[in-house]
């Protein structure tokens, strides 16, 4: 955990077993109304390599 000046007062890096667990904690904390949070998922090099290898079919709007 680090303290910061600017838009964010505290920056924490936490490790959860999966995205659903993180969402559950985030929803619970936000429901209290006293703390605002923002989650930024971090990906490993291996996860980015996998993403690069995946074929994605995409057609832009109007194309």
C-alpha atoms as a PDB file:
ATOM      1  CA  UNK A   1       0.000   0.000   0.000  1.00  0.00           C
ATOM      2  CA  UNK A   2       1.243   3.476  -0.839  1.00  0.00           C
ATOM      3  CA  UNK A   3      -0.121   6.937  -0.129  1.00  0.00           C
ATOM      4  CA  UNK A   4      -0.304   9.400  -3.008  1.00  0.00           C
ATOM      5  CA  UNK A   5      -1.080  13.002  -3.819  1.00  0.00           C
ATOM      6  CA  UNK A   6      -3.640  13.768  -6.482  1.00  0.00           C
ATOM      7  CA  UNK A   7      -6.788  12.014  -7.633  1.00  0.00           C
ATOM      8  CA  UNK A   8      -6.058   8.856  -5.609  1.00  0.00           C
ATOM      9  CA  UNK A   9      -5.108   9.036  -1.938  1.00  0.00           C
ATOM     10  CA  UNK A  10      -4.111   5.393  -1.505  1.00  0.00           C
ATOM     11  CA  UNK A  11      -2.877   2.832  -4.013  1.00  0.00           C
ATOM     12  CA  UNK A  12      -3.007  -0.846  -3.063  1.00  0.00           C
ATOM     13  CA  UNK A  13      -1.964  -3.925  -4.975  1.00  0.00           C
ATOM     14  CA  UNK A  14      -3.980  -6.911  -3.773  1.00  0.00           C
ATOM     15  CA  UNK A  15      -4.092 -10.463  -5.030  1.00  0.00           C
ATOM     16  CA  UNK A  16      -7.383 -12.334  -5.270  1.00  0.00           C
ATOM     17  CA  UNK A  17      -7.875 -15.886  -6.532  1.00  0.00           C
ATOM     18  CA  UNK A  18     -10.140 -14.678  -9.352  1.00  0.00           C
ATOM     19  CA  UNK A  19     -12.036 -11.682 -10.765  1.00  0.00           C
ATOM     20  CA  UNK A  20     -15.326 -12.710  -9.138  1.00  0.00           C
ATOM     21  CA  UNK A  21     -13.722 -12.611  -5.681  1.00  0.00           C
ATOM     22  CA  UNK A  22     -12.383  -9.131  -6.392  1.00  0.00           C
ATOM     23  CA  UNK A  23     -15.802  -7.983  -7.594  1.00  0.00           C
ATOM     24  CA  UNK A  24     -17.457  -9.358  -4.441  1.00  0.00           C
ATOM     25  CA  UNK A  25     -15.088  -7.436  -2.165  1.00  0.00           C
ATOM     26  CA  UNK A  26     -15.388  -4.283  -4.259  1.00  0.00           C
ATOM     27  CA  UNK A  27     -19.196  -4.379  -4.211  1.00  0.00           C
ATOM     28  CA  UNK A  28     -19.247  -4.916  -0.453  1.00  0.00           C
ATOM     29  CA  UNK A  29     -16.864  -2.031   0.251  1.00  0.00           C
ATOM     30  CA  UNK A  30     -18.682   0.335  -2.132  1.00  0.00           C
ATOM     31  CA  UNK A  31     -22.067  -0.566  -0.633  1.00  0.00           C
ATOM     32  CA  UNK A  32     -20.995   1.068   2.632  1.00  0.00           C
ATOM     33  CA  UNK A  33     -20.800   4.399   0.817  1.00  0.00           C
ATOM     34  CA  UNK A  34     -17.789   5.793   2.693  1.00  0.00           C
ATOM     35  CA  UNK A  35     -15.047   4.559   0.386  1.00  0.00           C
ATOM     36  CA  UNK A  36     -14.768   4.959  -3.353  1.00  0.00           C
ATOM     37  CA  UNK A  37     -12.681   2.330  -5.103  1.00  0.00           C
ATOM     38  CA  UNK A  38     -11.411   1.638  -8.582  1.00  0.00           C
ATOM     39  CA  UNK A  39      -9.949  -1.684  -9.658  1.00  0.00           C
ATOM     40  CA  UNK A  40      -7.350  -2.018 -12.383  1.00  0.00           C
ATOM     41  CA  UNK A  41      -6.680  -5.643 -13.313  1.00  0.00           C
ATOM     42  CA  UNK A  42      -3.002  -6.411 -13.857  1.00  0.00           C
ATOM     43  CA  UNK A  43      -2.039  -9.043 -16.420  1.00  0.00           C
ATOM     44  CA  UNK A  44       1.072 -11.179 -16.430  1.00  0.00           C
ATOM     45  CA  UNK A  45       3.380 -11.375 -19.430  1.00  0.00           C
ATOM     46  CA  UNK A  46       2.036 -14.879 -20.073  1.00  0.00           C
ATOM     47  CA  UNK A  47      -1.568 -13.624 -20.106  1.00  0.00           C
ATOM     48  CA  UNK A  48      -0.672 -10.891 -22.618  1.00  0.00           C
ATOM     49  CA  UNK A  49       1.131 -13.477 -24.774  1.00  0.00           C
ATOM     50  CA  UNK A  50      -2.037 -15.608 -24.729  1.00  0.00           C
ATOM     51  CA  UNK A  51      -4.166 -12.597 -25.667  1.00  0.00           C
ATOM     52  CA  UNK A  52      -1.886 -11.849 -28.622  1.00  0.00           C
ATOM     53  CA  UNK A  53      -2.281 -15.417 -29.898  1.00  0.00           C
ATOM     54  CA  UNK A  54      -6.105 -15.398 -29.731  1.00  0.00           C
ATOM     55  CA  UNK A  55      -8.008 -14.704 -32.912  1.00  0.00           C
ATOM     56  CA  UNK A  56     -10.635 -12.004 -32.478  1.00  0.00           C
ATOM     57  CA  UNK A  57     -13.235 -11.305 -35.139  1.00  0.00           C
ATOM     58  CA  UNK A  58     -14.157  -7.631 -35.107  1.00  0.00           C
ATOM     59  CA  UNK A  59     -15.900  -5.360 -37.555  1.00  0.00           C
ATOM     60  CA  UNK A  60     -15.927  -1.648 -36.810  1.00  0.00           C
ATOM     61  CA  UNK A  61     -19.243   0.196 -36.809  1.00  0.00           C
ATOM     62  CA  UNK A  62     -20.130   1.415 -40.296  1.00  0.00           C
ATOM     63  CA  UNK A  63     -17.653  -0.943 -41.950  1.00  0.00           C
END
